[in-house]
């Protein structure tokens, strides 16, 4: 909260958070984070697109708690 960080709203839907979902602290954190996310989204602009890519040496990094492993395996990248 103090460092003005935020998460995408989808993150708050994780079932691991069910035990705290209705606590006041969680609700405040969710509301503040959602507001910050929406503000960031309004100002977000892509710095690159597939059309503006000029070389074949593009590096794409997926980050997460193993959620993306299935997608990586489908594209042949372990």
C-alpha atoms as a PDB file:
ATOM      1  CA  UNK A   1       0.000   0.000   0.000  1.00  0.00           C
ATOM      2  CA  UNK A   2       2.694   2.488   1.014  1.00  0.00           C
ATOM      3  CA  UNK A   3       4.866   1.751  -2.021  1.00  0.00           C
ATOM      4  CA  UNK A   4       1.949   2.369  -4.415  1.00  0.00           C
ATOM      5  CA  UNK A   5       2.104  -1.127  -5.880  1.00  0.00           C
ATOM      6  CA  UNK A   6      -0.852  -2.964  -7.398  1.00  0.00           C
ATOM      7  CA  UNK A   7      -1.904  -6.322  -8.844  1.00  0.00           C
ATOM      8  CA  UNK A   8      -4.155  -7.191 -11.761  1.00  0.00           C
ATOM      9  CA  UNK A   9      -7.707  -7.780 -10.476  1.00  0.00           C
ATOM     10  CA  UNK A  10      -7.597 -11.430 -11.625  1.00  0.00           C
ATOM     11  CA  UNK A  11      -4.943 -12.197  -9.026  1.00  0.00           C
ATOM     12  CA  UNK A  12      -7.411 -11.521  -6.228  1.00  0.00           C
ATOM     13  CA  UNK A  13      -9.658 -14.327  -7.485  1.00  0.00           C
ATOM     14  CA  UNK A  14      -7.133 -16.993  -6.466  1.00  0.00           C
ATOM     15  CA  UNK A  15      -8.764 -19.574  -4.204  1.00  0.00           C
ATOM     16  CA  UNK A  16      -5.734 -19.438  -1.903  1.00  0.00           C
ATOM     17  CA  UNK A  17      -7.117 -16.109  -0.703  1.00  0.00           C
ATOM     18  CA  UNK A  18     -10.544 -17.450   0.285  1.00  0.00           C
ATOM     19  CA  UNK A  19      -9.704 -17.462   3.999  1.00  0.00           C
ATOM     20  CA  UNK A  20      -9.142 -13.682   4.003  1.00  0.00           C
ATOM     21  CA  UNK A  21     -11.414 -12.633   1.133  1.00  0.00           C
ATOM     22  CA  UNK A  22     -14.010 -10.879   3.319  1.00  0.00           C
ATOM     23  CA  UNK A  23     -11.648  -9.258   5.808  1.00  0.00           C
ATOM     24  CA  UNK A  24     -11.564  -5.462   5.807  1.00  0.00           C
ATOM     25  CA  UNK A  25      -7.827  -5.385   5.088  1.00  0.00           C
ATOM     26  CA  UNK A  26      -8.258  -7.599   2.032  1.00  0.00           C
ATOM     27  CA  UNK A  27     -11.155  -5.551   0.693  1.00  0.00           C
ATOM     28  CA  UNK A  28      -9.242  -2.289   1.113  1.00  0.00           C
ATOM     29  CA  UNK A  29      -6.177  -3.801  -0.556  1.00  0.00           C
ATOM     30  CA  UNK A  30      -8.300  -5.077  -3.442  1.00  0.00           C
ATOM     31  CA  UNK A  31     -10.066  -1.743  -3.924  1.00  0.00           C
ATOM     32  CA  UNK A  32      -6.842   0.285  -3.856  1.00  0.00           C
ATOM     33  CA  UNK A  33      -5.072  -2.165  -6.143  1.00  0.00           C
ATOM     34  CA  UNK A  34      -7.944  -2.196  -8.639  1.00  0.00           C
ATOM     35  CA  UNK A  35      -7.999   1.613  -8.734  1.00  0.00           C
ATOM     36  CA  UNK A  36      -4.242   1.774  -9.317  1.00  0.00           C
ATOM     37  CA  UNK A  37      -4.471  -0.914 -11.996  1.00  0.00           C
ATOM     38  CA  UNK A  38      -7.196   0.981 -13.863  1.00  0.00           C
ATOM     39  CA  UNK A  39      -5.159   4.193 -13.677  1.00  0.00           C
ATOM     40  CA  UNK A  40      -2.100   2.388 -15.042  1.00  0.00           C
ATOM     41  CA  UNK A  41      -4.199   0.826 -17.784  1.00  0.00           C
ATOM     42  CA  UNK A  42      -5.420   4.242 -18.930  1.00  0.00           C
ATOM     43  CA  UNK A  43      -1.845   5.385 -19.439  1.00  0.00           C
ATOM     44  CA  UNK A  44      -0.434   2.122 -20.812  1.00  0.00           C
ATOM     45  CA  UNK A  45       0.827   2.077 -24.364  1.00  0.00           C
ATOM     46  CA  UNK A  46       2.698  -0.720 -26.119  1.00  0.00           C
ATOM     47  CA  UNK A  47       6.364  -0.055 -26.763  1.00  0.00           C
ATOM     48  CA  UNK A  48       6.558  -2.816 -29.367  1.00  0.00           C
ATOM     49  CA  UNK A  49       4.077  -4.762 -31.444  1.00  0.00           C
ATOM     50  CA  UNK A  50       4.438  -7.775 -33.722  1.00  0.00           C
ATOM     51  CA  UNK A  51       4.176  -5.402 -36.692  1.00  0.00           C
ATOM     52  CA  UNK A  52       7.024  -3.174 -35.489  1.00  0.00           C
ATOM     53  CA  UNK A  53       9.345  -6.064 -34.632  1.00  0.00           C
ATOM     54  CA  UNK A  54      12.455  -5.673 -36.788  1.00  0.00           C
ATOM     55  CA  UNK A  55      14.524  -8.756 -35.965  1.00  0.00           C
ATOM     56  CA  UNK A  56      14.043 -12.448 -35.318  1.00  0.00           C
ATOM     57  CA  UNK A  57      15.758 -12.299 -31.946  1.00  0.00           C
ATOM     58  CA  UNK A  58      12.739 -11.425 -29.816  1.00  0.00           C
ATOM     59  CA  UNK A  59      12.817 -12.742 -26.247  1.00  0.00           C
ATOM     60  CA  UNK A  60       9.493 -13.326 -24.526  1.00  0.00           C
ATOM     61  CA  UNK A  61       9.477 -14.007 -20.801  1.00  0.00           C
ATOM     62  CA  UNK A  62       6.503 -15.456 -18.951  1.00  0.00           C
ATOM     63  CA  UNK A  63       6.402 -15.073 -15.204  1.00  0.00           C
ATOM     64  CA  UNK A  64       4.165 -16.783 -12.722  1.00  0.00           C
ATOM     65  CA  UNK A  65       3.775 -19.580 -10.227  1.00  0.00           C
ATOM     66  CA  UNK A  66       3.994 -22.302 -12.854  1.00  0.00           C
ATOM     67  CA  UNK A  67       0.672 -21.218 -14.394  1.00  0.00           C
ATOM     68  CA  UNK A  68       2.359 -20.658 -17.745  1.00  0.00           C
ATOM     69  CA  UNK A  69       4.248 -23.937 -17.976  1.00  0.00           C
ATOM     70  CA  UNK A  70       1.522 -25.530 -20.109  1.00  0.00           C
ATOM     71  CA  UNK A  71       1.679 -22.672 -22.604  1.00  0.00           C
ATOM     72  CA  UNK A  72       5.468 -22.903 -22.748  1.00  0.00           C
ATOM     73  CA  UNK A  73       5.375 -26.642 -23.362  1.00  0.00           C
ATOM     74  CA  UNK A  74       2.883 -26.188 -26.222  1.00  0.00           C
ATOM     75  CA  UNK A  75       5.279 -23.830 -27.986  1.00  0.00           C
ATOM     76  CA  UNK A  76       8.223 -26.155 -27.489  1.00  0.00           C
ATOM     77  CA  UNK A  77      10.029 -24.042 -24.905  1.00  0.00           C
ATOM     78  CA  UNK A  78      10.650 -25.991 -21.687  1.00  0.00           C
END
